[in-house]
């Protein structure tokens, strides 16, 4: 299942939807909503994944900006399948 690109894309779509819901609440002044806190926590956790993602993908010569942005947004939902060759790193 985890070698299926569709599996990872579905997870990324779900996380994107979560971010959009959190952004909606934040834009409407509801910064105390749990989705806003959850999104902030996820972004912070994904920032901690940056060194690990770089180490895992270094042999594939990733584009630095792509690695930074996609790891911050999606974390291991992006770099694990990229390491397996399911997503582009360049």
C-alpha atoms as a PDB file:
ATOM      1  CA  UNK A   1       0.000   0.000   0.000  1.00  0.00           C
ATOM      2  CA  UNK A   2       2.741   2.505   0.856  1.00  0.00           C
ATOM      3  CA  UNK A   3       4.427   1.861  -2.483  1.00  0.00           C
ATOM      4  CA  UNK A   4       1.321   3.207  -4.213  1.00  0.00           C
ATOM      5  CA  UNK A   5       1.589   6.870  -5.244  1.00  0.00           C
ATOM      6  CA  UNK A   6      -2.177   7.272  -4.905  1.00  0.00           C
ATOM      7  CA  UNK A   7      -1.986   6.390  -1.207  1.00  0.00           C
ATOM      8  CA  UNK A   8       0.475   9.220  -0.550  1.00  0.00           C
ATOM      9  CA  UNK A   9      -1.452  11.689  -2.718  1.00  0.00           C
ATOM     10  CA  UNK A  10      -4.638  10.950  -0.749  1.00  0.00           C
ATOM     11  CA  UNK A  11      -2.808  11.639   2.522  1.00  0.00           C
ATOM     12  CA  UNK A  12      -1.413  14.891   1.119  1.00  0.00           C
ATOM     13  CA  UNK A  13      -4.876  15.925  -0.110  1.00  0.00           C
ATOM     14  CA  UNK A  14      -6.304  15.325   3.361  1.00  0.00           C
ATOM     15  CA  UNK A  15      -3.564  17.360   5.009  1.00  0.00           C
ATOM     16  CA  UNK A  16      -4.055  20.163   2.473  1.00  0.00           C
ATOM     17  CA  UNK A  17      -7.768  20.210   3.301  1.00  0.00           C
ATOM     18  CA  UNK A  18      -6.903  20.401   7.009  1.00  0.00           C
ATOM     19  CA  UNK A  19      -4.595  23.371   6.347  1.00  0.00           C
ATOM     20  CA  UNK A  20      -7.344  25.096   4.338  1.00  0.00           C
ATOM     21  CA  UNK A  21      -9.863  24.652   7.160  1.00  0.00           C
ATOM     22  CA  UNK A  22      -7.334  26.027   9.656  1.00  0.00           C
ATOM     23  CA  UNK A  23      -6.602  28.974   7.355  1.00  0.00           C
ATOM     24  CA  UNK A  24     -10.333  29.682   7.064  1.00  0.00           C
ATOM     25  CA  UNK A  25     -10.732  29.811  10.841  1.00  0.00           C
ATOM     26  CA  UNK A  26      -7.603  31.923  11.265  1.00  0.00           C
ATOM     27  CA  UNK A  27      -8.722  34.365   8.544  1.00  0.00           C
ATOM     28  CA  UNK A  28     -12.076  34.782  10.290  1.00  0.00           C
ATOM     29  CA  UNK A  29     -10.458  35.660  13.586  1.00  0.00           C
ATOM     30  CA  UNK A  30     -11.004  32.295  15.256  1.00  0.00           C
ATOM     31  CA  UNK A  31      -7.356  31.794  16.115  1.00  0.00           C
ATOM     32  CA  UNK A  32      -8.280  29.768  19.210  1.00  0.00           C
ATOM     33  CA  UNK A  33      -9.843  26.996  17.105  1.00  0.00           C
ATOM     34  CA  UNK A  34      -8.192  23.588  17.493  1.00  0.00           C
ATOM     35  CA  UNK A  35      -7.458  23.311  13.760  1.00  0.00           C
ATOM     36  CA  UNK A  36      -5.362  26.487  13.878  1.00  0.00           C
ATOM     37  CA  UNK A  37      -3.348  25.104  16.789  1.00  0.00           C
ATOM     38  CA  UNK A  38      -3.058  21.740  15.061  1.00  0.00           C
ATOM     39  CA  UNK A  39      -1.804  23.289  11.833  1.00  0.00           C
ATOM     40  CA  UNK A  40       0.769  25.358  13.718  1.00  0.00           C
ATOM     41  CA  UNK A  41       1.931  22.271  15.601  1.00  0.00           C
ATOM     42  CA  UNK A  42       2.244  20.278  12.371  1.00  0.00           C
ATOM     43  CA  UNK A  43       4.262  23.021  10.696  1.00  0.00           C
ATOM     44  CA  UNK A  44       6.604  23.151  13.687  1.00  0.00           C
ATOM     45  CA  UNK A  45       6.993  19.361  13.705  1.00  0.00           C
ATOM     46  CA  UNK A  46       7.686  19.340   9.978  1.00  0.00           C
ATOM     47  CA  UNK A  47      10.375  21.978  10.474  1.00  0.00           C
ATOM     48  CA  UNK A  48      12.114  19.515  12.781  1.00  0.00           C
ATOM     49  CA  UNK A  49      12.042  16.939   9.965  1.00  0.00           C
ATOM     50  CA  UNK A  50      14.090  19.113   7.595  1.00  0.00           C
ATOM     51  CA  UNK A  51      17.531  17.732   8.560  1.00  0.00           C
ATOM     52  CA  UNK A  52      16.299  14.142   8.332  1.00  0.00           C
ATOM     53  CA  UNK A  53      14.636  14.759   4.966  1.00  0.00           C
ATOM     54  CA  UNK A  54      17.857  16.313   3.661  1.00  0.00           C
ATOM     55  CA  UNK A  55      19.909  13.324   4.819  1.00  0.00           C
ATOM     56  CA  UNK A  56      17.484  10.817   3.292  1.00  0.00           C
ATOM     57  CA  UNK A  57      17.181  12.625  -0.052  1.00  0.00           C
ATOM     58  CA  UNK A  58      20.731  13.947  -0.392  1.00  0.00           C
ATOM     59  CA  UNK A  59      21.767  11.139  -2.763  1.00  0.00           C
ATOM     60  CA  UNK A  60      18.937  12.139  -5.129  1.00  0.00           C
ATOM     61  CA  UNK A  61      20.300  15.720  -5.327  1.00  0.00           C
ATOM     62  CA  UNK A  62      17.023  17.426  -4.363  1.00  0.00           C
ATOM     63  CA  UNK A  63      16.128  20.960  -5.321  1.00  0.00           C
ATOM     64  CA  UNK A  64      16.622  22.887  -2.035  1.00  0.00           C
ATOM     65  CA  UNK A  65      13.513  25.068  -2.311  1.00  0.00           C
ATOM     66  CA  UNK A  66      11.320  22.083  -3.189  1.00  0.00           C
ATOM     67  CA  UNK A  67      12.733  20.140  -0.242  1.00  0.00           C
ATOM     68  CA  UNK A  68      12.165  23.068   2.122  1.00  0.00           C
ATOM     69  CA  UNK A  69       8.610  23.927   1.088  1.00  0.00           C
ATOM     70  CA  UNK A  70       7.255  20.410   0.656  1.00  0.00           C
ATOM     71  CA  UNK A  71       8.853  19.123   3.852  1.00  0.00           C
ATOM     72  CA  UNK A  72       7.486  22.077   5.838  1.00  0.00           C
ATOM     73  CA  UNK A  73       3.991  21.527   4.467  1.00  0.00           C
ATOM     74  CA  UNK A  74       3.779  17.744   4.273  1.00  0.00           C
ATOM     75  CA  UNK A  75       6.718  16.291   6.198  1.00  0.00           C
ATOM     76  CA  UNK A  76       7.198  12.580   5.792  1.00  0.00           C
ATOM     77  CA  UNK A  77       4.113  12.399   3.590  1.00  0.00           C
ATOM     78  CA  UNK A  78       6.353  13.939   0.945  1.00  0.00           C
ATOM     79  CA  UNK A  79       9.911  12.876   1.616  1.00  0.00           C
ATOM     80  CA  UNK A  80       9.285   9.167   2.304  1.00  0.00           C
ATOM     81  CA  UNK A  81       7.660   8.552  -1.100  1.00  0.00           C
ATOM     82  CA  UNK A  82      10.249  10.848  -2.715  1.00  0.00           C
ATOM     83  CA  UNK A  83      12.964   8.666  -1.229  1.00  0.00           C
ATOM     84  CA  UNK A  84      11.227   5.641  -2.766  1.00  0.00           C
ATOM     85  CA  UNK A  85      11.124   7.346  -6.167  1.00  0.00           C
ATOM     86  CA  UNK A  86       7.381   8.010  -6.229  1.00  0.00           C
ATOM     87  CA  UNK A  87       7.711  11.821  -6.240  1.00  0.00           C
ATOM     88  CA  UNK A  88      10.160  14.071  -8.059  1.00  0.00           C
ATOM     89  CA  UNK A  89      12.871  15.766  -6.035  1.00  0.00           C
ATOM     90  CA  UNK A  90      14.198  17.963  -8.880  1.00  0.00           C
END
